[in-house]
Amino acid sequence: MRGTLMLVLFLSGTASSEAASLLERRQVAQREVPTECVATCNSANYSCATNCGLSGACVAQCTAEAAACKNRCGERK
């Protein structure tokens, strides 16, 4: 009986430790995702604007798409 109690206590401590580390990893991932997402939006905007040449309307469309992309990054939090 005493051995079983010790085993249950040990396993519950191990499980809570793993849960805490999973929670920490998830929080770190959530902080990093928007940064990577914004970088992807910026890269896509640069490529889009480069393909536009001198067309102001095209560049404006690229900028609008990049802004929408960045807004979606913020929603992922």
Protein backbone atom coordinates (compact mmCIF):
# COMPACT_ATOMS: atom_id res chain seq x y z
CA MET A 1 0.00 0.00 0.00
CA ARG A 2 2.75 2.41 0.96
CA GLY A 3 4.69 1.60 -2.21
CA THR A 4 1.60 2.24 -4.32
CA LEU A 5 1.08 5.61 -2.65
CA MET A 6 4.69 6.57 -3.30
CA LEU A 7 4.38 5.51 -6.94
CA VAL A 8 1.19 7.56 -7.40
CA LEU A 9 2.84 10.62 -5.85
CA PHE A 10 5.93 10.22 -8.03
CA LEU A 11 3.90 9.81 -11.22
CA SER A 12 1.67 12.80 -10.44
CA GLY A 13 4.76 14.95 -9.85
CA THR A 14 6.27 13.80 -13.14
CA ALA A 15 3.06 14.45 -15.05
CA SER A 16 2.66 17.97 -13.64
CA SER A 17 6.29 18.73 -14.51
CA GLU A 18 5.74 17.63 -18.10
CA ALA A 19 2.51 19.62 -18.30
CA ALA A 20 4.31 22.74 -17.10
CA SER A 21 7.06 22.34 -19.69
CA LEU A 22 4.46 21.80 -22.44
CA LEU A 23 2.64 24.94 -21.35
CA GLU A 24 5.90 26.92 -21.37
CA ARG A 25 6.76 25.65 -24.86
CA ARG A 26 3.31 26.58 -26.12
CA GLN A 27 3.63 30.10 -24.71
CA VAL A 28 7.05 30.55 -26.34
CA ALA A 29 5.67 29.29 -29.63
CA GLN A 30 2.77 31.73 -29.44
CA ARG A 31 5.20 34.63 -28.92
CA GLU A 32 7.36 33.54 -31.86
CA VAL A 33 4.60 32.80 -34.36
CA PRO A 34 3.53 36.44 -34.88
CA THR A 35 7.16 37.50 -35.44
CA GLU A 36 7.70 34.81 -38.06
CA CYS A 37 4.29 35.53 -39.54
CA VAL A 38 5.03 39.25 -39.89
CA ALA A 39 8.39 38.44 -41.50
CA THR A 40 6.57 36.22 -44.01
CA CYS A 41 4.10 39.05 -44.74
CA ASN A 42 6.96 41.50 -45.24
CA SER A 43 8.73 39.10 -47.60
CA ALA A 44 5.56 38.54 -49.62
CA ASN A 45 5.00 42.31 -49.77
CA TYR A 46 8.54 42.88 -51.03
CA SER A 47 8.15 40.22 -53.72
CA CYS A 48 4.77 41.58 -54.73
CA ALA A 49 6.03 45.18 -54.94
CA THR A 50 9.10 44.07 -56.91
CA ASN A 51 6.85 42.42 -59.48
CA CYS A 52 4.75 45.59 -59.78
CA GLY A 53 7.47 47.70 -61.32
CA LEU A 54 6.39 51.34 -61.35
CA SER A 55 2.66 50.78 -61.00
CA GLY A 56 1.45 52.74 -57.99
CA ALA A 57 -1.89 50.96 -57.88
CA CYS A 58 -0.17 47.58 -57.85
CA VAL A 59 2.16 48.63 -55.00
CA ALA A 60 -0.85 49.95 -53.08
CA GLN A 61 -2.57 46.57 -53.51
CA CYS A 62 0.56 44.79 -52.25
CA THR A 63 0.67 47.09 -49.22
CA ALA A 64 -3.01 46.45 -48.46
CA GLU A 65 -2.48 42.69 -48.72
CA ALA A 66 0.55 42.92 -46.41
CA ALA A 67 -1.46 44.88 -43.84
CA ALA A 68 -4.24 42.27 -43.94
CA CYS A 69 -1.63 39.53 -43.58
CA LYS A 70 -0.15 41.24 -40.50
CA ASN A 71 -3.61 41.59 -38.98
CA ARG A 72 -4.13 37.85 -39.38
CA CYS A 73 -0.81 37.29 -37.61
CA GLY A 74 -2.11 39.24 -34.63
CA GLU A 75 -5.30 37.17 -34.53
CA ARG A 76 -3.32 33.95 -34.06
CA LYS A 77 -2.34 34.90 -30.52
